């Protein structure tokens, strides 16, 4: 039993049973790699077994890339396993989502897939065991409704590092439900996604950390200049070289577009510099997706993300978020303020 054994067991149960809706008899595939926190693997497997599901763990060497660039590195036994499961929790990072094998497996309309990526034991505890998910989704659903109702309207995002970017909202590409009880692609709770009309994005985005070929905090902010497409990348120290080639892969030879912004609302998440999944869900943070997304045709070869922190957001001229904190509308601000870390 680990030091955080009881808390870890509770968080794994909340992930597996409450959020991911694993039930007795479910064939649950758990994929890990050589860098995955083994305490997380064991906790998730034990939680599924306790429910009465049939979990199986497959561990592979860490993938060098995510998405379609991982095709050549995914073993045939893993391909076979993903076609035969009812539910799949992917703890690999880089992840399998966006690979050809993953796309084919999802076409069966049988499987639920959870991209849990690089969560540590502490991250799993914080993301699933230290927050009231019903409260969290109350805030997320209200904010997502505001975003959806503003389709076609202008959004502005700034932050203290120099971000100042505007875009027109596109129709949401997908929604994130409280319970993963239907076949489809699911993510760790804690953020609300804003999809821009790609050609409308204008301005500067300053990021503190990036997931390109791997995840890392930067020695200095990286500045992305955007005018429809990403035009220039400055700063970021040695990370700029890796981001440059990642962007060119993701954009089909050039820098491509910004494909999503997010607003994170997870009060228990902590910025560690080690976990993209957790860092990008710290309240006020923004996972800025670059290139072509894996959920669209032609996407998936690479989907680098930058993490922008302490953002302010205006939607259709109304300030919704100030320095990372929701300030309006009043009902949303009060609901967000009420979501506090919990203890069990």
C-alpha atoms as a PDB file:
ATOM      1  CA  UNK A   1       0.000   0.000   0.000  1.00  0.00           C
ATOM      2  CA  UNK A   2       1.346   3.402  -0.943  1.00  0.00           C
ATOM      3  CA  UNK A   3       1.640   6.342   1.445  1.00  0.00           C
ATOM      4  CA  UNK A   4      -1.539   7.796  -0.068  1.00  0.00           C
ATOM      5  CA  UNK A   5      -3.220   4.387  -0.222  1.00  0.00           C
ATOM      6  CA  UNK A   6      -6.727   5.233   1.081  1.00  0.00           C
ATOM      7  CA  UNK A   7      -6.911   8.526  -0.852  1.00  0.00           C
ATOM      8  CA  UNK A   8      -5.610   6.871  -4.008  1.00  0.00           C
ATOM      9  CA  UNK A   9      -8.102   4.022  -3.732  1.00  0.00           C
ATOM     10  CA  UNK A  10     -10.959   6.489  -3.287  1.00  0.00           C
ATOM     11  CA  UNK A  11      -9.849   8.598  -6.287  1.00  0.00           C
ATOM     12  CA  UNK A  12      -9.472   5.523  -8.499  1.00  0.00           C
ATOM     13  CA  UNK A  13     -12.974   4.400  -7.534  1.00  0.00           C
ATOM     14  CA  UNK A  14     -14.344   7.839  -8.400  1.00  0.00           C
ATOM     15  CA  UNK A  15     -12.606   7.729 -11.775  1.00  0.00           C
ATOM     16  CA  UNK A  16     -13.513   4.154 -12.678  1.00  0.00           C
ATOM     17  CA  UNK A  17     -16.983   3.711 -11.191  1.00  0.00           C
ATOM     18  CA  UNK A  18     -18.462   7.183 -10.781  1.00  0.00           C
ATOM     19  CA  UNK A  19     -17.053   9.085 -13.784  1.00  0.00           C
ATOM     20  CA  UNK A  20     -16.147   6.342 -16.277  1.00  0.00           C
ATOM     21  CA  UNK A  21     -19.192   4.242 -15.361  1.00  0.00           C
ATOM     22  CA  UNK A  22     -17.432   0.860 -15.360  1.00  0.00           C
ATOM     23  CA  UNK A  23     -19.914  -1.826 -14.284  1.00  0.00           C
ATOM     24  CA  UNK A  24     -19.702  -5.516 -13.392  1.00  0.00           C
ATOM     25  CA  UNK A  25     -18.713  -7.612 -16.395  1.00  0.00           C
ATOM     26  CA  UNK A  26     -17.136  -4.751 -18.367  1.00  0.00           C
ATOM     27  CA  UNK A  27     -13.951  -5.677 -20.196  1.00  0.00           C
ATOM     28  CA  UNK A  28     -11.661  -2.795 -19.181  1.00  0.00           C
ATOM     29  CA  UNK A  29      -8.362  -2.250 -20.983  1.00  0.00           C
ATOM     30  CA  UNK A  30      -5.776  -0.225 -19.054  1.00  0.00           C
ATOM     31  CA  UNK A  31      -2.807   0.874 -21.150  1.00  0.00           C
ATOM     32  CA  UNK A  32       0.402   2.115 -19.576  1.00  0.00           C
ATOM     33  CA  UNK A  33       3.951   2.801 -20.680  1.00  0.00           C
ATOM     34  CA  UNK A  34       7.382   2.574 -19.095  1.00  0.00           C
ATOM     35  CA  UNK A  35       7.010   6.104 -17.659  1.00  0.00           C
ATOM     36  CA  UNK A  36       3.526   5.616 -16.161  1.00  0.00           C
ATOM     37  CA  UNK A  37       3.140   5.871 -12.380  1.00  0.00           C
ATOM     38  CA  UNK A  38       2.623   2.226 -11.415  1.00  0.00           C
ATOM     39  CA  UNK A  39       0.664   3.190  -8.316  1.00  0.00           C
ATOM     40  CA  UNK A  40      -1.952   4.709 -10.646  1.00  0.00           C
ATOM     41  CA  UNK A  41      -2.068   1.547 -12.766  1.00  0.00           C
ATOM     42  CA  UNK A  42      -2.552  -0.677  -9.725  1.00  0.00           C
ATOM     43  CA  UNK A  43      -5.178   1.604  -8.175  1.00  0.00           C
ATOM     44  CA  UNK A  44      -7.234   1.749 -11.374  1.00  0.00           C
ATOM     45  CA  UNK A  45      -7.003  -2.024 -11.892  1.00  0.00           C
ATOM     46  CA  UNK A  46      -7.958  -2.733  -8.272  1.00  0.00           C
ATOM     47  CA  UNK A  47     -10.920  -0.346  -8.460  1.00  0.00           C
ATOM     48  CA  UNK A  48     -12.228  -2.064 -11.588  1.00  0.00           C
ATOM     49  CA  UNK A  49     -11.739  -5.528 -10.084  1.00  0.00           C
ATOM     50  CA  UNK A  50     -13.587  -4.510  -6.910  1.00  0.00           C
ATOM     51  CA  UNK A  51     -16.547  -3.359  -9.012  1.00  0.00           C
ATOM     52  CA  UNK A  52     -16.695  -6.764 -10.694  1.00  0.00           C
ATOM     53  CA  UNK A  53     -15.295  -5.694 -14.053  1.00  0.00           C
ATOM     54  CA  UNK A  54     -12.622  -7.637 -15.920  1.00  0.00           C
ATOM     55  CA  UNK A  55      -9.563  -5.375 -16.112  1.00  0.00           C
ATOM     56  CA  UNK A  56      -6.419  -6.140 -18.106  1.00  0.00           C
ATOM     57  CA  UNK A  57      -3.229  -4.078 -18.095  1.00  0.00           C
ATOM     58  CA  UNK A  58      -0.971  -3.773 -21.140  1.00  0.00           C
ATOM     59  CA  UNK A  59       2.358  -1.962 -20.745  1.00  0.00           C
ATOM     60  CA  UNK A  60       4.369  -0.776 -23.746  1.00  0.00           C
ATOM     61  CA  UNK A  61       7.573   1.196 -24.222  1.00  0.00           C
ATOM     62  CA  UNK A  62       6.831   4.911 -24.059  1.00  0.00           C
ATOM     63  CA  UNK A  63       5.649   6.178 -27.436  1.00  0.00           C
ATOM     64  CA  UNK A  64       7.883   8.789 -29.077  1.00  0.00           C
ATOM     65  CA  UNK A  65       4.854  10.666 -30.442  1.00  0.00           C
ATOM     66  CA  UNK A  66       1.089  10.754 -29.998  1.00  0.00           C
ATOM     67  CA  UNK A  67      -1.589  10.204 -32.602  1.00  0.00           C
ATOM     68  CA  UNK A  68      -0.877   8.916 -36.090  1.00  0.00           C
ATOM     69  CA  UNK A  69       2.890   9.316 -35.703  1.00  0.00           C
ATOM     70  CA  UNK A  70       2.649   6.528 -33.124  1.00  0.00           C
ATOM     71  CA  UNK A  71       1.263   4.055 -35.689  1.00  0.00           C
ATOM     72  CA  UNK A  72       4.563   2.302 -36.277  1.00  0.00           C
ATOM     73  CA  UNK A  73       5.183   1.840 -32.542  1.00  0.00           C
ATOM     74  CA  UNK A  74       1.870   0.250 -31.504  1.00  0.00           C
ATOM     75  CA  UNK A  75       2.059  -3.520 -31.173  1.00  0.00           C
ATOM     76  CA  UNK A  76      -0.410  -5.909 -32.799  1.00  0.00           C
ATOM     77  CA  UNK A  77      -1.447  -7.434 -29.438  1.00  0.00           C
ATOM     78  CA  UNK A  78      -2.403  -3.939 -28.241  1.00  0.00           C
ATOM     79  CA  UNK A  79      -4.353  -3.335 -31.444  1.00  0.00           C
ATOM     80  CA  UNK A  80      -6.231  -6.590 -30.860  1.00  0.00           C
ATOM     81  CA  UNK A  81      -6.960  -5.689 -27.229  1.00  0.00           C
ATOM     82  CA  UNK A  82      -8.419  -2.276 -28.016  1.00  0.00           C
ATOM     83  CA  UNK A  83     -10.870  -3.913 -30.433  1.00  0.00           C
ATOM     84  CA  UNK A  84     -12.180  -6.282 -27.762  1.00  0.00           C
ATOM     85  CA  UNK A  85     -12.861  -4.013 -24.788  1.00  0.00           C
ATOM     86  CA  UNK A  86     -15.940  -2.205 -23.530  1.00  0.00           C
ATOM     87  CA  UNK A  87     -13.925   0.553 -21.858  1.00  0.00           C
ATOM     88  CA  UNK A  88     -10.322   1.725 -22.133  1.00  0.00           C
ATOM     89  CA  UNK A  89      -8.355   3.945 -19.752  1.00  0.00           C
ATOM     90  CA  UNK A  90      -5.209   5.167 -21.506  1.00  0.00           C
ATOM     91  CA  UNK A  91      -2.429   6.139 -19.082  1.00  0.00           C
ATOM     92  CA  UNK A  92       0.186   6.375 -21.831  1.00  0.00           C
ATOM     93  CA  UNK A  93       1.840   9.693 -22.563  1.00  0.00           C
ATOM     94  CA  UNK A  94       2.247  10.457 -25.418  1.00  0.00           C
ATOM     95  CA  UNK A  95      -1.196   8.956 -25.887  1.00  0.00           C
ATOM     96  CA  UNK A  96      -2.714   6.508 -28.383  1.00  0.00           C
ATOM     97  CA  UNK A  97      -5.743   8.671 -29.330  1.00  0.00           C
ATOM     98  CA  UNK A  98      -5.504   9.734 -32.941  1.00  0.00           C
ATOM     99  CA  UNK A  99      -3.597   6.665 -34.094  1.00  0.00           C
ATOM    100  CA  UNK A 100      -5.070   4.580 -36.901  1.00  0.00           C
ATOM    101  CA  UNK A 101      -5.663   1.650 -34.549  1.00  0.00           C
ATOM    102  CA  UNK A 102      -7.487   3.861 -32.046  1.00  0.00           C
ATOM    103  CA  UNK A 103      -9.657   5.387 -34.775  1.00  0.00           C
ATOM    104  CA  UNK A 104     -10.619   1.943 -36.094  1.00  0.00           C
ATOM    105  CA  UNK A 105     -11.440   0.667 -32.617  1.00  0.00           C
ATOM    106  CA  UNK A 106     -13.691   3.680 -31.941  1.00  0.00           C
ATOM    107  CA  UNK A 107     -15.702   2.991 -35.115  1.00  0.00           C
ATOM    108  CA  UNK A 108     -17.241  -0.064 -33.451  1.00  0.00           C
ATOM    109  CA  UNK A 109     -19.438   2.331 -31.425  1.00  0.00           C
ATOM    110  CA  UNK A 110     -18.943  -0.029 -28.509  1.00  0.00           C
ATOM    111  CA  UNK A 111     -16.030   1.405 -26.574  1.00  0.00           C
ATOM    112  CA  UNK A 112     -15.555   4.273 -24.135  1.00  0.00           C
ATOM    113  CA  UNK A 113     -12.023   5.725 -24.187  1.00  0.00           C
ATOM    114  CA  UNK A 114     -10.588   7.913 -21.408  1.00  0.00           C
ATOM    115  CA  UNK A 115      -7.433   9.899 -22.171  1.00  0.00           C
ATOM    116  CA  UNK A 116      -5.876  10.047 -18.688  1.00  0.00           C
ATOM    117  CA  UNK A 117      -2.313  10.462 -19.947  1.00  0.00           C
ATOM    118  CA  UNK A 118       0.417  11.394 -17.503  1.00  0.00           C
ATOM    119  CA  UNK A 119      -1.491  11.546 -14.211  1.00  0.00           C
ATOM    120  CA  UNK A 120       0.648  10.762 -11.177  1.00  0.00           C
ATOM    121  CA  UNK A 121      -0.792   9.214  -8.019  1.00  0.00           C
ATOM    122  CA  UNK A 122      -1.040  12.703  -6.542  1.00  0.00           C
ATOM    123  CA  UNK A 123      -2.657  13.954  -9.727  1.00  0.00           C
ATOM    124  CA  UNK A 124      -5.253  11.179  -9.717  1.00  0.00           C
ATOM    125  CA  UNK A 125      -6.073  11.994  -6.091  1.00  0.00           C
ATOM    126  CA  UNK A 126      -6.458  15.695  -6.830  1.00  0.00           C
ATOM    127  CA  UNK A 127      -8.382  15.357 -10.085  1.00  0.00           C
ATOM    128  CA  UNK A 128     -10.904  12.750  -8.919  1.00  0.00           C
ATOM    129  CA  UNK A 129     -10.685  12.511  -5.141  1.00  0.00           C
ATOM    130  CA  UNK A 130     -10.439  16.127  -4.007  1.00  0.00           C
ATOM    131  CA  UNK A 131     -13.318  17.752  -5.870  1.00  0.00           C
ATOM    132  CA  UNK A 132     -17.091  17.369  -5.955  1.00  0.00           C
ATOM    133  CA  UNK A 133     -17.590  16.396  -9.607  1.00  0.00           C
ATOM    134  CA  UNK A 134     -21.277  17.329  -9.548  1.00  0.00           C
ATOM    135  CA  UNK A 135     -20.397  20.872  -8.444  1.00  0.00           C
ATOM    136  CA  UNK A 136     -17.566  21.040 -10.968  1.00  0.00           C
ATOM    137  CA  UNK A 137     -19.855  20.040 -13.835  1.00  0.00           C
ATOM    138  CA  UNK A 138     -22.457  22.532 -12.679  1.00  0.00           C
ATOM    139  CA  UNK A 139     -19.922  25.273 -13.399  1.00  0.00           C
ATOM    140  CA  UNK A 140     -18.568  23.662 -16.566  1.00  0.00           C
ATOM    141  CA  UNK A 141     -21.995  23.070 -18.098  1.00  0.00           C
ATOM    142  CA  UNK A 142     -23.116  26.657 -17.391  1.00  0.00           C
ATOM    143  CA  UNK A 143     -19.921  28.095 -18.887  1.00  0.00           C
ATOM    144  CA  UNK A 144     -20.112  25.772 -21.904  1.00  0.00           C
ATOM    145  CA  UNK A 145     -23.718  26.919 -22.458  1.00  0.00           C
ATOM    146  CA  UNK A 146     -22.550  30.548 -22.484  1.00  0.00           C
ATOM    147  CA  UNK A 147     -19.831  29.657 -24.995  1.00  0.00           C
ATOM    148  CA  UNK A 148     -22.227  27.679 -27.221  1.00  0.00           C
ATOM    149  CA  UNK A 149     -24.787  30.506 -27.182  1.00  0.00           C
ATOM    150  CA  UNK A 150     -22.036  32.903 -28.312  1.00  0.00           C
ATOM    151  CA  UNK A 151     -21.211  30.939 -31.487  1.00  0.00           C
ATOM    152  CA  UNK A 152     -19.994  33.436 -34.081  1.00  0.00           C
ATOM    153  CA  UNK A 153     -19.216  36.082 -31.430  1.00  0.00           C
ATOM    154  CA  UNK A 154     -15.748  37.439 -30.637  1.00  0.00           C
ATOM    155  CA  UNK A 155     -13.609  36.215 -27.730  1.00  0.00           C
ATOM    156  CA  UNK A 156     -10.553  37.998 -26.366  1.00  0.00           C
ATOM    157  CA  UNK A 157      -7.955  36.319 -24.123  1.00  0.00           C
ATOM    158  CA  UNK A 158      -5.072  38.050 -22.335  1.00  0.00           C
ATOM    159  CA  UNK A 159      -2.615  37.141 -19.603  1.00  0.00           C
ATOM    160  CA  UNK A 160       0.215  38.882 -17.677  1.00  0.00           C
ATOM    161  CA  UNK A 161       2.952  37.304 -19.833  1.00  0.00           C
ATOM    162  CA  UNK A 162       1.799  39.182 -22.921  1.00  0.00           C
ATOM    163  CA  UNK A 163      -0.996  37.118 -24.449  1.00  0.00           C
ATOM    164  CA  UNK A 164      -3.572  39.188 -26.296  1.00  0.00           C
ATOM    165  CA  UNK A 165      -5.524  37.181 -28.858  1.00  0.00           C
ATOM    166  CA  UNK A 166      -8.995  37.431 -30.380  1.00  0.00           C
ATOM    167  CA  UNK A 167     -11.101  34.954 -32.359  1.00  0.00           C
ATOM    168  CA  UNK A 168     -14.657  34.181 -33.385  1.00  0.00           C
ATOM    169  CA  UNK A 169     -16.272  31.208 -31.684  1.00  0.00           C
ATOM    170  CA  UNK A 170     -17.091  28.220 -33.865  1.00  0.00           C
ATOM    171  CA  UNK A 171     -19.802  25.702 -33.076  1.00  0.00           C
ATOM    172  CA  UNK A 172     -18.537  23.323 -30.348  1.00  0.00           C
ATOM    173  CA  UNK A 173     -17.000  20.179 -31.855  1.00  0.00           C
ATOM    174  CA  UNK A 174     -18.067  18.037 -28.891  1.00  0.00           C
ATOM    175  CA  UNK A 175     -19.388  18.243 -25.348  1.00  0.00           C
ATOM    176  CA  UNK A 176     -18.013  16.679 -22.180  1.00  0.00           C
ATOM    177  CA  UNK A 177     -20.647  14.888 -20.124  1.00  0.00           C
ATOM    178  CA  UNK A 178     -20.594  14.291 -16.353  1.00  0.00           C
ATOM    179  CA  UNK A 179     -20.789  10.519 -16.793  1.00  0.00           C
ATOM    180  CA  UNK A 180     -18.908   8.550 -19.463  1.00  0.00           C
ATOM    181  CA  UNK A 181     -21.766   6.091 -19.903  1.00  0.00           C
ATOM    182  CA  UNK A 182     -21.902   5.988 -23.716  1.00  0.00           C
ATOM    183  CA  UNK A 183     -19.371   4.953 -26.359  1.00  0.00           C
ATOM    184  CA  UNK A 184     -16.997   7.755 -27.284  1.00  0.00           C
ATOM    185  CA  UNK A 185     -13.911   9.771 -26.414  1.00  0.00           C
ATOM    186  CA  UNK A 186     -13.609  11.199 -22.896  1.00  0.00           C
ATOM    187  CA  UNK A 187     -11.128  13.414 -21.055  1.00  0.00           C
ATOM    188  CA  UNK A 188     -10.200  14.045 -17.429  1.00  0.00           C
ATOM    189  CA  UNK A 189     -12.761  16.539 -16.037  1.00  0.00           C
ATOM    190  CA  UNK A 190     -11.754  20.090 -15.244  1.00  0.00           C
ATOM    191  CA  UNK A 191     -11.868  22.295 -18.342  1.00  0.00           C
ATOM    192  CA  UNK A 192     -14.252  23.850 -20.838  1.00  0.00           C
ATOM    193  CA  UNK A 193     -13.205  24.005 -24.496  1.00  0.00           C
ATOM    194  CA  UNK A 194     -13.568  26.975 -26.835  1.00  0.00           C
ATOM    195  CA  UNK A 195     -13.281  26.188 -30.546  1.00  0.00           C
ATOM    196  CA  UNK A 196     -12.291  29.142 -32.746  1.00  0.00           C
ATOM    197  CA  UNK A 197     -13.014  29.662 -36.399  1.00  0.00           C
ATOM    198  CA  UNK A 198      -9.374  28.923 -37.325  1.00  0.00           C
ATOM    199  CA  UNK A 199      -8.922  31.781 -39.805  1.00  0.00           C
ATOM    200  CA  UNK A 200     -10.270  34.299 -37.291  1.00  0.00           C
ATOM    201  CA  UNK A 201      -7.516  33.927 -34.672  1.00  0.00           C
ATOM    202  CA  UNK A 202      -5.402  37.092 -34.406  1.00  0.00           C
ATOM    203  CA  UNK A 203      -2.799  38.247 -31.913  1.00  0.00           C
ATOM    204  CA  UNK A 204      -0.188  36.897 -29.526  1.00  0.00           C
ATOM    205  CA  UNK A 205      -0.243  33.835 -27.278  1.00  0.00           C
ATOM    206  CA  UNK A 206       2.368  33.480 -24.510  1.00  0.00           C
ATOM    207  CA  UNK A 207       2.749  29.971 -23.093  1.00  0.00           C
ATOM    208  CA  UNK A 208       4.589  28.758 -19.971  1.00  0.00           C
ATOM    209  CA  UNK A 209       4.806  25.073 -20.851  1.00  0.00           C
ATOM    210  CA  UNK A 210       4.217  22.871 -23.871  1.00  0.00           C
ATOM    211  CA  UNK A 211       3.406  19.346 -24.906  1.00  0.00           C
ATOM    212  CA  UNK A 212       5.117  18.932 -28.270  1.00  0.00           C
ATOM    213  CA  UNK A 213       7.003  15.630 -28.434  1.00  0.00           C
ATOM    214  CA  UNK A 214       7.017  15.523 -24.629  1.00  0.00           C
ATOM    215  CA  UNK A 215       5.755  17.795 -21.869  1.00  0.00           C
ATOM    216  CA  UNK A 216       7.980  20.436 -20.297  1.00  0.00           C
ATOM    217  CA  UNK A 217       7.831  23.809 -18.556  1.00  0.00           C
ATOM    218  CA  UNK A 218       9.852  26.443 -20.398  1.00  0.00           C
ATOM    219  CA  UNK A 219      12.851  28.414 -19.228  1.00  0.00           C
ATOM    220  CA  UNK A 220      11.174  31.525 -20.664  1.00  0.00           C
ATOM    221  CA  UNK A 221       7.736  32.154 -22.171  1.00  0.00           C
ATOM    222  CA  UNK A 222       7.207  31.127 -25.779  1.00  0.00           C
ATOM    223  CA  UNK A 223       5.414  33.718 -27.901  1.00  0.00           C
ATOM    224  CA  UNK A 224       3.209  32.605 -30.800  1.00  0.00           C
ATOM    225  CA  UNK A 225       2.255  35.268 -33.323  1.00  0.00           C
ATOM    226  CA  UNK A 226      -1.009  34.366 -35.053  1.00  0.00           C
ATOM    227  CA  UNK A 227      -2.758  35.904 -38.049  1.00  0.00           C
ATOM    228  CA  UNK A 228      -5.180  33.219 -39.135  1.00  0.00           C
ATOM    229  CA  UNK A 229      -2.306  30.739 -39.180  1.00  0.00           C
ATOM    230  CA  UNK A 230       0.578  30.700 -36.716  1.00  0.00           C
ATOM    231  CA  UNK A 231       3.113  33.042 -38.309  1.00  0.00           C
ATOM    232  CA  UNK A 232       6.035  33.069 -35.915  1.00  0.00           C
ATOM    233  CA  UNK A 233       7.419  31.412 -32.773  1.00  0.00           C
ATOM    234  CA  UNK A 234       9.762  33.352 -30.464  1.00  0.00           C
ATOM    235  CA  UNK A 235      11.277  32.673 -27.060  1.00  0.00           C
ATOM    236  CA  UNK A 236      10.836  29.429 -25.190  1.00  0.00           C
ATOM    237  CA  UNK A 237      14.567  28.746 -24.936  1.00  0.00           C
ATOM    238  CA  UNK A 238      15.623  25.410 -26.416  1.00  0.00           C
ATOM    239  CA  UNK A 239      11.967  24.312 -26.443  1.00  0.00           C
ATOM    240  CA  UNK A 240      11.465  26.415 -29.560  1.00  0.00           C
ATOM    241  CA  UNK A 241      13.384  23.916 -31.729  1.00  0.00           C
ATOM    242  CA  UNK A 242      11.145  21.031 -30.649  1.00  0.00           C
ATOM    243  CA  UNK A 243       7.981  23.106 -31.013  1.00  0.00           C
ATOM    244  CA  UNK A 244       9.062  24.220 -34.486  1.00  0.00           C
ATOM    245  CA  UNK A 245       9.261  20.698 -35.855  1.00  0.00           C
ATOM    246  CA  UNK A 246       6.134  19.612 -33.966  1.00  0.00           C
ATOM    247  CA  UNK A 247       4.114  22.477 -35.410  1.00  0.00           C
ATOM    248  CA  UNK A 248       5.312  21.706 -38.927  1.00  0.00           C
ATOM    249  CA  UNK A 249       4.263  18.071 -38.542  1.00  0.00           C
ATOM    250  CA  UNK A 250       0.896  19.127 -37.145  1.00  0.00           C
ATOM    251  CA  UNK A 251       0.313  21.723 -39.853  1.00  0.00           C
ATOM    252  CA  UNK A 252       1.286  19.615 -42.856  1.00  0.00           C
ATOM    253  CA  UNK A 253       4.609  21.350 -43.401  1.00  0.00           C
ATOM    254  CA  UNK A 254       3.872  24.808 -42.035  1.00  0.00           C
ATOM    255  CA  UNK A 255       2.844  26.091 -38.621  1.00  0.00           C
ATOM    256  CA  UNK A 256      -0.884  25.497 -39.039  1.00  0.00           C
ATOM    257  CA  UNK A 257      -3.654  26.924 -36.875  1.00  0.00           C
ATOM    258  CA  UNK A 258      -4.879  27.287 -33.327  1.00  0.00           C
ATOM    259  CA  UNK A 259      -7.546  24.601 -33.075  1.00  0.00           C
ATOM    260  CA  UNK A 260      -8.811  25.087 -29.529  1.00  0.00           C
ATOM    261  CA  UNK A 261      -8.575  27.159 -26.401  1.00  0.00           C
ATOM    262  CA  UNK A 262      -9.769  26.038 -22.966  1.00  0.00           C
ATOM    263  CA  UNK A 263     -10.617  27.483 -19.589  1.00  0.00           C
ATOM    264  CA  UNK A 264      -9.682  25.287 -16.627  1.00  0.00           C
ATOM    265  CA  UNK A 265     -11.818  25.170 -13.481  1.00  0.00           C
ATOM    266  CA  UNK A 266     -10.302  22.425 -11.304  1.00  0.00           C
ATOM    267  CA  UNK A 267      -9.662  23.933  -7.840  1.00  0.00           C
ATOM    268  CA  UNK A 268      -7.665  20.928  -6.599  1.00  0.00           C
ATOM    269  CA  UNK A 269      -5.290  20.757  -9.586  1.00  0.00           C
ATOM    270  CA  UNK A 270      -1.724  21.881  -8.931  1.00  0.00           C
ATOM    271  CA  UNK A 271       0.858  23.141 -11.402  1.00  0.00           C
ATOM    272  CA  UNK A 272       3.740  20.683 -11.037  1.00  0.00           C
ATOM    273  CA  UNK A 273       5.541  21.130 -14.360  1.00  0.00           C
ATOM    274  CA  UNK A 274       5.413  17.352 -14.754  1.00  0.00           C
ATOM    275  CA  UNK A 275       1.867  16.525 -15.867  1.00  0.00           C
ATOM    276  CA  UNK A 276       0.228  18.127 -18.884  1.00  0.00           C
ATOM    277  CA  UNK A 277      -3.161  16.653 -17.969  1.00  0.00           C
ATOM    278  CA  UNK A 278      -3.099  18.217 -14.493  1.00  0.00           C
ATOM    279  CA  UNK A 279      -1.228  21.469 -15.245  1.00  0.00           C
ATOM    280  CA  UNK A 280      -3.644  22.401 -18.030  1.00  0.00           C
ATOM    281  CA  UNK A 281      -6.591  22.010 -15.600  1.00  0.00           C
ATOM    282  CA  UNK A 282      -5.300  24.330 -12.869  1.00  0.00           C
ATOM    283  CA  UNK A 283      -7.959  27.028 -12.394  1.00  0.00           C
ATOM    284  CA  UNK A 284      -7.412  29.819 -14.912  1.00  0.00           C
ATOM    285  CA  UNK A 285      -5.128  27.831 -17.208  1.00  0.00           C
ATOM    286  CA  UNK A 286      -5.645  27.322 -20.929  1.00  0.00           C
ATOM    287  CA  UNK A 287      -4.570  24.391 -23.101  1.00  0.00           C
ATOM    288  CA  UNK A 288      -4.000  25.979 -26.507  1.00  0.00           C
ATOM    289  CA  UNK A 289      -4.228  23.273 -29.193  1.00  0.00           C
ATOM    290  CA  UNK A 290      -2.125  23.709 -32.318  1.00  0.00           C
ATOM    291  CA  UNK A 291      -2.182  22.144 -35.781  1.00  0.00           C
ATOM    292  CA  UNK A 292      -4.979  19.789 -36.822  1.00  0.00           C
ATOM    293  CA  UNK A 293      -6.950  17.974 -34.087  1.00  0.00           C
ATOM    294  CA  UNK A 294      -7.017  14.190 -33.942  1.00  0.00           C
ATOM    295  CA  UNK A 295     -10.836  14.199 -33.924  1.00  0.00           C
ATOM    296  CA  UNK A 296     -10.990  15.641 -37.462  1.00  0.00           C
ATOM    297  CA  UNK A 297     -10.070  13.992 -40.804  1.00  0.00           C
ATOM    298  CA  UNK A 298      -6.395  14.493 -41.567  1.00  0.00           C
ATOM    299  CA  UNK A 299      -5.609  15.269 -37.952  1.00  0.00           C
ATOM    300  CA  UNK A 300      -3.756  13.255 -35.371  1.00  0.00           C
ATOM    301  CA  UNK A 301      -0.204  13.210 -36.721  1.00  0.00           C
ATOM    302  CA  UNK A 302       0.658  15.590 -33.969  1.00  0.00           C
ATOM    303  CA  UNK A 303      -1.427  17.859 -31.790  1.00  0.00           C
ATOM    304  CA  UNK A 304       0.978  19.983 -29.756  1.00  0.00           C
ATOM    305  CA  UNK A 305      -0.495  22.046 -26.928  1.00  0.00           C
ATOM    306  CA  UNK A 306       0.746  25.080 -25.081  1.00  0.00           C
ATOM    307  CA  UNK A 307      -0.241  25.892 -21.494  1.00  0.00           C
ATOM    308  CA  UNK A 308      -1.243  29.519 -20.905  1.00  0.00           C
ATOM    309  CA  UNK A 309      -1.833  30.560 -17.286  1.00  0.00           C
ATOM    310  CA  UNK A 310      -3.769  33.239 -15.363  1.00  0.00           C
ATOM    311  CA  UNK A 311      -5.903  34.229 -18.324  1.00  0.00           C
ATOM    312  CA  UNK A 312      -8.605  36.866 -18.604  1.00  0.00           C
ATOM    313  CA  UNK A 313     -11.481  36.209 -21.037  1.00  0.00           C
ATOM    314  CA  UNK A 314     -14.054  38.452 -22.717  1.00  0.00           C
ATOM    315  CA  UNK A 315     -16.969  36.899 -24.638  1.00  0.00           C
ATOM    316  CA  UNK A 316     -18.871  39.244 -26.941  1.00  0.00           C
ATOM    317  CA  UNK A 317     -17.446  42.216 -25.035  1.00  0.00           C
ATOM    318  CA  UNK A 318     -18.406  40.954 -21.556  1.00  0.00           C
ATOM    319  CA  UNK A 319     -15.572  40.079 -19.172  1.00  0.00           C
ATOM    320  CA  UNK A 320     -16.162  36.551 -17.900  1.00  0.00           C
ATOM    321  CA  UNK A 321     -12.760  35.747 -16.351  1.00  0.00           C
ATOM    322  CA  UNK A 322     -10.238  38.066 -14.700  1.00  0.00           C
ATOM    323  CA  UNK A 323      -6.715  36.840 -13.905  1.00  0.00           C
ATOM    324  CA  UNK A 324      -7.946  33.247 -13.977  1.00  0.00           C
ATOM    325  CA  UNK A 325     -11.037  33.745 -11.798  1.00  0.00           C
ATOM    326  CA  UNK A 326     -14.636  33.713 -13.099  1.00  0.00           C
ATOM    327  CA  UNK A 327     -16.254  37.086 -12.342  1.00  0.00           C
ATOM    328  CA  UNK A 328     -19.482  36.918 -14.368  1.00  0.00           C
ATOM    329  CA  UNK A 329     -22.301  36.338 -14.951  1.00  0.00           C
ATOM    330  CA  UNK A 330     -23.176  36.524 -11.244  1.00  0.00           C
ATOM    331  CA  UNK A 331     -24.732  33.059 -10.994  1.00  0.00           C
ATOM    332  CA  UNK A 332     -21.716  31.469 -12.687  1.00  0.00           C
ATOM    333  CA  UNK A 333     -19.250  33.373 -10.502  1.00  0.00           C
ATOM    334  CA  UNK A 334     -21.044  32.287  -7.320  1.00  0.00           C
ATOM    335  CA  UNK A 335     -21.170  28.667  -8.484  1.00  0.00           C
ATOM    336  CA  UNK A 336     -17.454  28.707  -9.334  1.00  0.00           C
ATOM    337  CA  UNK A 337     -16.582  30.239  -5.975  1.00  0.00           C
ATOM    338  CA  UNK A 338     -18.459  27.420  -4.227  1.00  0.00           C
ATOM    339  CA  UNK A 339     -16.367  24.679  -5.861  1.00  0.00           C
ATOM    340  CA  UNK A 340     -13.673  24.018  -3.259  1.00  0.00           C
ATOM    341  CA  UNK A 341     -11.222  21.164  -2.691  1.00  0.00           C
ATOM    342  CA  UNK A 342     -12.847  18.436  -0.600  1.00  0.00           C
ATOM    343  CA  UNK A 343     -11.430  15.918   1.855  1.00  0.00           C
ATOM    344  CA  UNK A 344     -12.508  12.381   2.559  1.00  0.00           C
END
